[in-house]
Amino acid sequence: MPRGTKGEVDLVGYDGEPLAFVEVRTRTAREDQAALPELIVTAEKQHVMARTVRRFVMERHVKECPMRFDVVAIEEVAGQSPVVRLHKAAFYPQM
């Protein structure tokens, strides 16, 4: 899990050729809560994640390859199995 001064990336791995950086967000669903967990990945969070990834790539001398930013959203509802959604290429921060 790469960490920057203020940021971190939850998962990193190759998905074929692209190197995927994954943000995982979990929310316990309640009737009064309309926001989906994937909507919590704000522009500010995307910026911090991109900065952390730049540092990770530089420090580890990662060879040039396609990169992708994904979001895994996990919704938990009491008494039910969690709902998991993977959003590949969820956002494209400026690198």
PDB file of N, CA and C in Angstrom:
ATOM      1  N   MET A   1       0.848  -1.169   0.000  1.00  0.00           N
ATOM      2  CA  MET A   1       0.000   0.000   0.000  1.00  0.00           C
ATOM      3  C   MET A   1       0.896   1.236   0.000  1.00  0.00           C
ATOM      4  N   PRO A   2       1.016   1.902  -1.154  1.00  0.00           N
ATOM      5  CA  PRO A   2       1.854   3.088  -1.198  1.00  0.00           C
ATOM      6  C   PRO A   2       1.245   4.225  -0.388  1.00  0.00           C
ATOM      7  N   ARG A   3       2.104   4.953   0.295  1.00  0.00           N
ATOM      8  CA  ARG A   3       1.668   6.106   1.081  1.00  0.00           C
ATOM      9  C   ARG A   3       2.494   7.315   0.683  1.00  0.00           C
ATOM     10  N   GLY A   4       1.824   8.426   0.556  1.00  0.00           N
ATOM     11  CA  GLY A   4       2.504   9.685   0.323  1.00  0.00           C
ATOM     12  C   GLY A   4       2.448  10.491   1.597  1.00  0.00           C
ATOM     13  N   THR A   5       2.826  11.753   1.525  1.00  0.00           N
ATOM     14  CA  THR A   5       2.797  12.605   2.697  1.00  0.00           C
ATOM     15  C   THR A   5       1.398  12.673   3.288  1.00  0.00           C
ATOM     16  N   LYS A   6       0.392  12.806   2.426  1.00  0.00           N
ATOM     17  CA  LYS A   6      -0.975  12.898   2.909  1.00  0.00           C
ATOM     18  C   LYS A   6      -1.871  11.825   2.317  1.00  0.00           C
ATOM     19  N   GLY A   7      -1.338  10.971   1.472  1.00  0.00           N
ATOM     20  CA  GLY A   7      -2.221  10.056   0.774  1.00  0.00           C
ATOM     21  C   GLY A   7      -1.773   8.622   0.846  1.00  0.00           C
ATOM     22  N   GLU A   8      -2.666   7.763   0.400  1.00  0.00           N
ATOM     23  CA  GLU A   8      -2.364   6.356   0.300  1.00  0.00           C
ATOM     24  C   GLU A   8      -3.201   5.771  -0.825  1.00  0.00           C
ATOM     25  N   VAL A   9      -2.745   4.648  -1.333  1.00  0.00           N
ATOM     26  CA  VAL A   9      -3.482   3.903  -2.343  1.00  0.00           C
ATOM     27  C   VAL A   9      -3.760   2.539  -1.734  1.00  0.00           C
ATOM     28  N   ASP A  10      -5.004   2.098  -1.804  1.00  0.00           N
ATOM     29  CA  ASP A  10      -5.392   0.869  -1.118  1.00  0.00           C
ATOM     30  C   ASP A  10      -4.822  -0.384  -1.774  1.00  0.00           C
ATOM     31  N   LEU A  11      -4.879  -0.469  -3.095  1.00  0.00           N
ATOM     32  CA  LEU A  11      -4.402  -1.650  -3.815  1.00  0.00           C
ATOM     33  C   LEU A  11      -3.648  -1.224  -5.060  1.00  0.00           C
ATOM     34  N   VAL A  12      -2.618  -1.984  -5.405  1.00  0.00           N
ATOM     35  CA  VAL A  12      -1.856  -1.746  -6.632  1.00  0.00           C
ATOM     36  C   VAL A  12      -1.611  -3.101  -7.274  1.00  0.00           C
ATOM     37  N   GLY A  13      -1.859  -3.189  -8.566  1.00  0.00           N
ATOM     38  CA  GLY A  13      -1.580  -4.447  -9.248  1.00  0.00           C
ATOM     39  C   GLY A  13      -1.764  -4.319 -10.740  1.00  0.00           C
ATOM     40  N   TYR A  14      -1.133  -5.232 -11.451  1.00  0.00           N
ATOM     41  CA  TYR A  14      -1.274  -5.260 -12.901  1.00  0.00           C
ATOM     42  C   TYR A  14      -2.560  -5.988 -13.274  1.00  0.00           C
ATOM     43  N   ASP A  15      -3.267  -5.444 -14.238  1.00  0.00           N
ATOM     44  CA  ASP A  15      -4.445  -6.067 -14.825  1.00  0.00           C
ATOM     45  C   ASP A  15      -4.121  -6.248 -16.300  1.00  0.00           C
ATOM     46  N   GLY A  16      -3.347  -7.288 -16.579  1.00  0.00           N
ATOM     47  CA  GLY A  16      -2.772  -7.413 -17.916  1.00  0.00           C
ATOM     48  C   GLY A  16      -1.627  -6.425 -18.014  1.00  0.00           C
ATOM     49  N   GLU A  17      -1.655  -5.580 -19.018  1.00  0.00           N
ATOM     50  CA  GLU A  17      -0.597  -4.579 -19.186  1.00  0.00           C
ATOM     51  C   GLU A  17      -0.750  -3.368 -18.264  1.00  0.00           C
ATOM     52  N   PRO A  18      -1.960  -2.840 -18.073  1.00  0.00           N
ATOM     53  CA  PRO A  18      -2.067  -1.647 -17.234  1.00  0.00           C
ATOM     54  C   PRO A  18      -1.771  -1.925 -15.759  1.00  0.00           C
ATOM     55  N   LEU A  19      -1.152  -0.962 -15.130  1.00  0.00           N
ATOM     56  CA  LEU A  19      -0.936  -0.990 -13.694  1.00  0.00           C
ATOM     57  C   LEU A  19      -2.106  -0.242 -13.067  1.00  0.00           C
ATOM     58  N   ALA A  20      -2.891  -0.946 -12.256  1.00  0.00           N
ATOM     59  CA  ALA A  20      -4.099  -0.367 -11.670  1.00  0.00           C
ATOM     60  C   ALA A  20      -3.830   0.078 -10.234  1.00  0.00           C
ATOM     61  N   PHE A  21      -4.250   1.286  -9.935  1.00  0.00           N
ATOM     62  CA  PHE A  21      -4.205   1.845  -8.589  1.00  0.00           C
ATOM     63  C   PHE A  21      -5.656   1.941  -8.140  1.00  0.00           C
ATOM     64  N   VAL A  22      -5.958   1.295  -7.013  1.00  0.00           N
ATOM     65  CA  VAL A  22      -7.355   1.106  -6.625  1.00  0.00           C
ATOM     66  C   VAL A  22      -7.648   1.774  -5.284  1.00  0.00           C
ATOM     67  N   GLU A  23      -8.695   2.567  -5.272  1.00  0.00           N
ATOM     68  CA  GLU A  23      -9.230   3.162  -4.048  1.00  0.00           C
ATOM     69  C   GLU A  23     -10.429   2.324  -3.629  1.00  0.00           C
ATOM     70  N   VAL A  24     -10.453   1.851  -2.387  1.00  0.00           N
ATOM     71  CA  VAL A  24     -11.565   1.046  -1.875  1.00  0.00           C
ATOM     72  C   VAL A  24     -12.363   1.901  -0.907  1.00  0.00           C
ATOM     73  N   ARG A  25     -13.673   1.962  -1.146  1.00  0.00           N
ATOM     74  CA  ARG A  25     -14.562   2.723  -0.270  1.00  0.00           C
ATOM     75  C   ARG A  25     -15.694   1.824   0.193  1.00  0.00           C
ATOM     76  N   THR A  26     -15.954   1.846   1.493  1.00  0.00           N
ATOM     77  CA  THR A  26     -17.019   1.040   2.087  1.00  0.00           C
ATOM     78  C   THR A  26     -18.014   1.955   2.778  1.00  0.00           C
ATOM     79  N   ARG A  27     -19.279   1.617   2.640  1.00  0.00           N
ATOM     80  CA  ARG A  27     -20.326   2.358   3.321  1.00  0.00           C
ATOM     81  C   ARG A  27     -21.361   1.397   3.847  1.00  0.00           C
ATOM     82  N   THR A  28     -21.817   1.645   5.047  1.00  0.00           N
ATOM     83  CA  THR A  28     -22.938   0.901   5.596  1.00  0.00           C
ATOM     84  C   THR A  28     -24.194   1.634   5.162  1.00  0.00           C
ATOM     85  N   ALA A  29     -25.036   0.968   4.385  1.00  0.00           N
ATOM     86  CA  ALA A  29     -26.239   1.599   3.828  1.00  0.00           C
ATOM     87  C   ALA A  29     -27.302   1.762   4.904  1.00  0.00           C
ATOM     88  N   ARG A  30     -27.886   2.948   4.912  1.00  0.00           N
ATOM     89  CA  ARG A  30     -29.029   3.248   5.775  1.00  0.00           C
ATOM     90  C   ARG A  30     -30.083   3.918   4.913  1.00  0.00           C
ATOM     91  N   GLU A  31     -31.313   3.852   5.335  1.00  0.00           N
ATOM     92  CA  GLU A  31     -32.400   4.433   4.550  1.00  0.00           C
ATOM     93  C   GLU A  31     -32.214   5.934   4.320  1.00  0.00           C
ATOM     94  N   ASP A  32     -31.653   6.643   5.280  1.00  0.00           N
ATOM     95  CA  ASP A  32     -31.499   8.093   5.167  1.00  0.00           C
ATOM     96  C   ASP A  32     -30.219   8.493   4.429  1.00  0.00           C
ATOM     97  N   GLN A  33     -29.532   7.542   3.863  1.00  0.00           N
ATOM     98  CA  GLN A  33     -28.234   7.797   3.236  1.00  0.00           C
ATOM     99  C   GLN A  33     -28.328   7.465   1.752  1.00  0.00           C
ATOM    100  N   ALA A  34     -28.231   8.486   0.912  1.00  0.00           N
ATOM    101  CA  ALA A  34     -28.383   8.274  -0.522  1.00  0.00           C
ATOM    102  C   ALA A  34     -27.041   8.129  -1.234  1.00  0.00           C
ATOM    103  N   ALA A  35     -25.967   8.627  -0.643  1.00  0.00           N
ATOM    104  CA  ALA A  35     -24.676   8.646  -1.327  1.00  0.00           C
ATOM    105  C   ALA A  35     -24.090   7.247  -1.469  1.00  0.00           C
ATOM    106  N   LEU A  36     -23.667   6.936  -2.671  1.00  0.00           N
ATOM    107  CA  LEU A  36     -22.986   5.673  -2.920  1.00  0.00           C
ATOM    108  C   LEU A  36     -21.529   5.805  -2.507  1.00  0.00           C
ATOM    109  N   PRO A  37     -20.902   4.718  -2.073  1.00  0.00           N
ATOM    110  CA  PRO A  37     -19.508   4.828  -1.612  1.00  0.00           C
ATOM    111  C   PRO A  37     -18.559   5.334  -2.690  1.00  0.00           C
ATOM    112  N   GLU A  38     -18.810   4.997  -3.956  1.00  0.00           N
ATOM    113  CA  GLU A  38     -17.910   5.452  -5.011  1.00  0.00           C
ATOM    114  C   GLU A  38     -17.954   6.963  -5.214  1.00  0.00           C
ATOM    115  N   LEU A  39     -19.029   7.605  -4.753  1.00  0.00           N
ATOM    116  CA  LEU A  39     -19.143   9.057  -4.898  1.00  0.00           C
ATOM    117  C   LEU A  39     -18.295   9.814  -3.883  1.00  0.00           C
ATOM    118  N   ILE A  40     -17.718   9.103  -2.932  1.00  0.00           N
ATOM    119  CA  ILE A  40     -16.879   9.734  -1.911  1.00  0.00           C
ATOM    120  C   ILE A  40     -15.484  10.049  -2.460  1.00  0.00           C
ATOM    121  N   VAL A  41     -15.140   9.494  -3.600  1.00  0.00           N
ATOM    122  CA  VAL A  41     -13.826   9.742  -4.196  1.00  0.00           C
ATOM    123  C   VAL A  41     -13.908  11.080  -4.930  1.00  0.00           C
ATOM    124  N   THR A  42     -13.713  12.134  -4.168  1.00  0.00           N
ATOM    125  CA  THR A  42     -13.847  13.504  -4.668  1.00  0.00           C
ATOM    126  C   THR A  42     -12.650  13.911  -5.527  1.00  0.00           C
ATOM    127  N   ALA A  43     -12.763  15.071  -6.146  1.00  0.00           N
ATOM    128  CA  ALA A  43     -11.654  15.609  -6.942  1.00  0.00           C
ATOM    129  C   ALA A  43     -10.410  15.787  -6.072  1.00  0.00           C
ATOM    130  N   GLU A  44     -10.580  16.213  -4.836  1.00  0.00           N
ATOM    131  CA  GLU A  44      -9.444  16.378  -3.921  1.00  0.00           C
ATOM    132  C   GLU A  44      -8.783  15.030  -3.640  1.00  0.00           C
ATOM    133  N   LYS A  45      -9.593  13.991  -3.379  1.00  0.00           N
ATOM    134  CA  LYS A  45      -9.054  12.653  -3.133  1.00  0.00           C
ATOM    135  C   LYS A  45      -8.318  12.144  -4.375  1.00  0.00           C
ATOM    136  N   GLN A  46      -8.854  12.406  -5.543  1.00  0.00           N
ATOM    137  CA  GLN A  46      -8.211  12.000  -6.793  1.00  0.00           C
ATOM    138  C   GLN A  46      -6.855  12.687  -6.947  1.00  0.00           C
ATOM    139  N   HIS A  47      -6.790  13.961  -6.610  1.00  0.00           N
ATOM    140  CA  HIS A  47      -5.540  14.719  -6.690  1.00  0.00           C
ATOM    141  C   HIS A  47      -4.489  14.129  -5.739  1.00  0.00           C
ATOM    142  N   VAL A  48      -4.887  13.854  -4.515  1.00  0.00           N
ATOM    143  CA  VAL A  48      -3.967  13.277  -3.521  1.00  0.00           C
ATOM    144  C   VAL A  48      -3.502  11.901  -3.987  1.00  0.00           C
ATOM    145  N   MET A  49      -4.420  11.114  -4.517  1.00  0.00           N
ATOM    146  CA  MET A  49      -4.059   9.780  -4.992  1.00  0.00           C
ATOM    147  C   MET A  49      -3.073   9.870  -6.154  1.00  0.00           C
ATOM    148  N   ALA A  50      -3.291  10.794  -7.076  1.00  0.00           N
ATOM    149  CA  ALA A  50      -2.373  10.958  -8.214  1.00  0.00           C
ATOM    150  C   ALA A  50      -0.985  11.355  -7.733  1.00  0.00           C
ATOM    151  N   ARG A  51      -0.913  12.239  -6.760  1.00  0.00           N
ATOM    152  CA  ARG A  51       0.381  12.663  -6.205  1.00  0.00           C
ATOM    153  C   ARG A  51       1.086  11.476  -5.544  1.00  0.00           C
ATOM    154  N   THR A  52       0.343  10.678  -4.813  1.00  0.00           N
ATOM    155  CA  THR A  52       0.907   9.497  -4.158  1.00  0.00           C
ATOM    156  C   THR A  52       1.409   8.495  -5.193  1.00  0.00           C
ATOM    157  N   VAL A  53       0.660   8.307  -6.267  1.00  0.00           N
ATOM    158  CA  VAL A  53       1.058   7.381  -7.326  1.00  0.00           C
ATOM    159  C   VAL A  53       2.321   7.872  -8.023  1.00  0.00           C
ATOM    160  N   ARG A  54       2.409   9.163  -8.304  1.00  0.00           N
ATOM    161  CA  ARG A  54       3.622   9.710  -8.933  1.00  0.00           C
ATOM    162  C   ARG A  54       4.846   9.378  -8.088  1.00  0.00           C
ATOM    163  N   ARG A  55       4.719   9.573  -6.799  1.00  0.00           N
ATOM    164  CA  ARG A  55       5.831   9.282  -5.893  1.00  0.00           C
ATOM    165  C   ARG A  55       6.153   7.794  -5.871  1.00  0.00           C
ATOM    166  N   PHE A  56       5.128   6.959  -5.812  1.00  0.00           N
ATOM    167  CA  PHE A  56       5.291   5.503  -5.813  1.00  0.00           C
ATOM    168  C   PHE A  56       6.044   5.047  -7.063  1.00  0.00           C
ATOM    169  N   VAL A  57       5.630   5.528  -8.222  1.00  0.00           N
ATOM    170  CA  VAL A  57       6.243   5.146  -9.500  1.00  0.00           C
ATOM    171  C   VAL A  57       7.698   5.601  -9.558  1.00  0.00           C
ATOM    172  N   MET A  58       7.956   6.813  -9.102  1.00  0.00           N
ATOM    173  CA  MET A  58       9.315   7.354  -9.131  1.00  0.00           C
ATOM    174  C   MET A  58      10.231   6.595  -8.163  1.00  0.00           C
ATOM    175  N   GLU A  59       9.783   6.389  -6.932  1.00  0.00           N
ATOM    176  CA  GLU A  59      10.620   5.745  -5.926  1.00  0.00           C
ATOM    177  C   GLU A  59      10.921   4.290  -6.253  1.00  0.00           C
ATOM    178  N   ARG A  60       9.999   3.628  -6.936  1.00  0.00           N
ATOM    179  CA  ARG A  60      10.175   2.200  -7.230  1.00  0.00           C
ATOM    180  C   ARG A  60      10.655   1.950  -8.658  1.00  0.00           C
ATOM    181  N   HIS A  61      10.941   3.033  -9.383  1.00  0.00           N
ATOM    182  CA  HIS A  61      11.456   2.936 -10.754  1.00  0.00           C
ATOM    183  C   HIS A  61      10.575   2.024 -11.609  1.00  0.00           C
ATOM    184  N   VAL A  62       9.275   2.244 -11.527  1.00  0.00           N
ATOM    185  CA  VAL A  62       8.326   1.452 -12.310  1.00  0.00           C
ATOM    186  C   VAL A  62       8.519   1.795 -13.780  1.00  0.00           C
ATOM    187  N   LYS A  63       8.679   0.754 -14.600  1.00  0.00           N
ATOM    188  CA  LYS A  63       8.864   1.008 -16.026  1.00  0.00           C
ATOM    189  C   LYS A  63       7.599   1.631 -16.603  1.00  0.00           C
ATOM    190  N   GLU A  64       7.783   2.380 -17.679  1.00  0.00           N
ATOM    191  CA  GLU A  64       6.649   3.060 -18.296  1.00  0.00           C
ATOM    192  C   GLU A  64       5.633   2.031 -18.772  1.00  0.00           C
ATOM    193  N   CYS A  65       4.386   2.240 -18.400  1.00  0.00           N
ATOM    194  CA  CYS A  65       3.297   1.357 -18.793  1.00  0.00           C
ATOM    195  C   CYS A  65       1.988   2.126 -18.650  1.00  0.00           C
ATOM    196  N   PRO A  66       0.930   1.626 -19.265  1.00  0.00           N
ATOM    197  CA  PRO A  66      -0.369   2.272 -19.057  1.00  0.00           C
ATOM    198  C   PRO A  66      -0.755   2.172 -17.581  1.00  0.00           C
ATOM    199  N   MET A  67      -1.374   3.221 -17.073  1.00  0.00           N
ATOM    200  CA  MET A  67      -1.841   3.224 -15.684  1.00  0.00           C
ATOM    201  C   MET A  67      -3.325   3.526 -15.663  1.00  0.00           C
ATOM    202  N   ARG A  68      -3.966   2.988 -14.638  1.00  0.00           N
ATOM    203  CA  ARG A  68      -5.407   3.157 -14.526  1.00  0.00           C
ATOM    204  C   ARG A  68      -5.767   3.407 -13.064  1.00  0.00           C
ATOM    205  N   PHE A  69      -6.776   4.222 -12.845  1.00  0.00           N
ATOM    206  CA  PHE A  69      -7.272   4.505 -11.498  1.00  0.00           C
ATOM    207  C   PHE A  69      -8.674   3.910 -11.369  1.00  0.00           C
ATOM    208  N   ASP A  70      -8.797   2.941 -10.476  1.00  0.00           N
ATOM    209  CA  ASP A  70     -10.066   2.239 -10.279  1.00  0.00           C
ATOM    210  C   ASP A  70     -10.635   2.567  -8.897  1.00  0.00           C
ATOM    211  N   VAL A  71     -11.922   2.295  -8.755  1.00  0.00           N
ATOM    212  CA  VAL A  71     -12.588   2.429  -7.458  1.00  0.00           C
ATOM    213  C   VAL A  71     -13.366   1.144  -7.202  1.00  0.00           C
ATOM    214  N   VAL A  72     -13.186   0.573  -6.016  1.00  0.00           N
ATOM    215  CA  VAL A  72     -14.015  -0.537  -5.559  1.00  0.00           C
ATOM    216  C   VAL A  72     -14.946   0.039  -4.501  1.00  0.00           C
ATOM    217  N   ALA A  73     -16.243  -0.137  -4.730  1.00  0.00           N
ATOM    218  CA  ALA A  73     -17.253   0.347  -3.794  1.00  0.00           C
ATOM    219  C   ALA A  73     -17.898  -0.860  -3.124  1.00  0.00           C
ATOM    220  N   ILE A  74     -17.948  -0.817  -1.797  1.00  0.00           N
ATOM    221  CA  ILE A  74     -18.554  -1.906  -1.038  1.00  0.00           C
ATOM    222  C   ILE A  74     -19.684  -1.316  -0.215  1.00  0.00           C
ATOM    223  N   GLU A  75     -20.880  -1.821  -0.448  1.00  0.00           N
ATOM    224  CA  GLU A  75     -22.045  -1.378   0.316  1.00  0.00           C
ATOM    225  C   GLU A  75     -22.475  -2.501   1.237  1.00  0.00           C
ATOM    226  N   GLU A  76     -22.574  -2.179   2.509  1.00  0.00           N
ATOM    227  CA  GLU A  76     -22.990  -3.166   3.496  1.00  0.00           C
ATOM    228  C   GLU A  76     -24.379  -2.818   4.000  1.00  0.00           C
ATOM    229  N   VAL A  77     -25.248  -3.818   3.998  1.00  0.00           N
ATOM    230  CA  VAL A  77     -26.598  -3.668   4.529  1.00  0.00           C
ATOM    231  C   VAL A  77     -26.768  -4.744   5.591  1.00  0.00           C
ATOM    232  N   ALA A  78     -27.223  -4.356   6.761  1.00  0.00           N
ATOM    233  CA  ALA A  78     -27.379  -5.302   7.866  1.00  0.00           C
ATOM    234  C   ALA A  78     -28.218  -6.504   7.435  1.00  0.00           C
ATOM    235  N   GLY A  79     -27.697  -7.689   7.712  1.00  0.00           N
ATOM    236  CA  GLY A  79     -28.423  -8.914   7.421  1.00  0.00           C
ATOM    237  C   GLY A  79     -28.326  -9.387   5.978  1.00  0.00           C
ATOM    238  N   GLN A  80     -27.554  -8.690   5.147  1.00  0.00           N
ATOM    239  CA  GLN A  80     -27.413  -9.073   3.739  1.00  0.00           C
ATOM    240  C   GLN A  80     -25.940  -9.197   3.384  1.00  0.00           C
ATOM    241  N   SER A  81     -25.679  -9.901   2.306  1.00  0.00           N
ATOM    242  CA  SER A  81     -24.310  -9.968   1.801  1.00  0.00           C
ATOM    243  C   SER A  81     -23.913  -8.601   1.254  1.00  0.00           C
ATOM    244  N   PRO A  82     -22.654  -8.219   1.405  1.00  0.00           N
ATOM    245  CA  PRO A  82     -22.222  -6.925   0.870  1.00  0.00           C
ATOM    246  C   PRO A  82     -22.335  -6.901  -0.660  1.00  0.00           C
ATOM    247  N   VAL A  83     -22.584  -5.716  -1.184  1.00  0.00           N
ATOM    248  CA  VAL A  83     -22.608  -5.503  -2.626  1.00  0.00           C
ATOM    249  C   VAL A  83     -21.278  -4.850  -2.990  1.00  0.00           C
ATOM    250  N   VAL A  84     -20.554  -5.459  -3.928  1.00  0.00           N
ATOM    251  CA  VAL A  84     -19.236  -4.972  -4.322  1.00  0.00           C
ATOM    252  C   VAL A  84     -19.283  -4.578  -5.796  1.00  0.00           C
ATOM    253  N   ARG A  85     -18.845  -3.351  -6.093  1.00  0.00           N
ATOM    254  CA  ARG A  85     -18.798  -2.873  -7.473  1.00  0.00           C
ATOM    255  C   ARG A  85     -17.379  -2.416  -7.784  1.00  0.00           C
ATOM    256  N   LEU A  86     -16.851  -2.866  -8.927  1.00  0.00           N
ATOM    257  CA  LEU A  86     -15.543  -2.430  -9.400  1.00  0.00           C
ATOM    258  C   LEU A  86     -15.756  -1.474 -10.565  1.00  0.00           C
ATOM    259  N   HIS A  87     -15.196  -0.284 -10.440  1.00  0.00           N
ATOM    260  CA  HIS A  87     -15.265   0.720 -11.503  1.00  0.00           C
ATOM    261  C   HIS A  87     -13.856   0.881 -12.062  1.00  0.00           C
ATOM    262  N   LYS A  88     -13.599   0.207 -13.184  1.00  0.00           N
ATOM    263  CA  LYS A  88     -12.291   0.338 -13.826  1.00  0.00           C
ATOM    264  C   LYS A  88     -12.230   1.686 -14.526  1.00  0.00           C
ATOM    265  N   ALA A  89     -11.047   2.303 -14.473  1.00  0.00           N
ATOM    266  CA  ALA A  89     -10.834   3.618 -15.090  1.00  0.00           C
ATOM    267  C   ALA A  89     -11.894   4.606 -14.600  1.00  0.00           C
ATOM    268  N   ALA A  90     -12.068   4.649 -13.289  1.00  0.00           N
ATOM    269  CA  ALA A  90     -13.100   5.492 -12.684  1.00  0.00           C
ATOM    270  C   ALA A  90     -12.803   6.979 -12.834  1.00  0.00           C
ATOM    271  N   PHE A  91     -11.522   7.325 -12.889  1.00  0.00           N
ATOM    272  CA  PHE A  91     -11.150   8.734 -13.076  1.00  0.00           C
ATOM    273  C   PHE A  91      -9.780   8.809 -13.699  1.00  0.00           C
ATOM    274  N   TYR A  92      -9.469   9.982 -14.223  1.00  0.00           N
ATOM    275  CA  TYR A  92      -8.200  10.213 -14.946  1.00  0.00           C
ATOM    276  C   TYR A  92      -7.534  11.479 -14.400  1.00  0.00           C
ATOM    277  N   PRO A  93      -6.808  11.369 -13.316  1.00  0.00           N
ATOM    278  CA  PRO A  93      -6.129  12.569 -12.798  1.00  0.00           C
ATOM    279  C   PRO A  93      -4.976  12.960 -13.709  1.00  0.00           C
ATOM    280  N   GLN A  94      -4.612  14.228 -13.663  1.00  0.00           N
ATOM    281  CA  GLN A  94      -3.458  14.671 -14.426  1.00  0.00           C
ATOM    282  C   GLN A  94      -2.208  14.147 -13.760  1.00  0.00           C
ATOM    283  N   MET A  95      -1.385  13.452 -14.534  1.00  0.00           N
ATOM    284  CA  MET A  95      -0.139  12.901 -14.019  1.00  0.00           C
ATOM    285  C   MET A  95       0.972  13.743 -14.575  1.00  0.00           C
TER     286      MET A  95
END
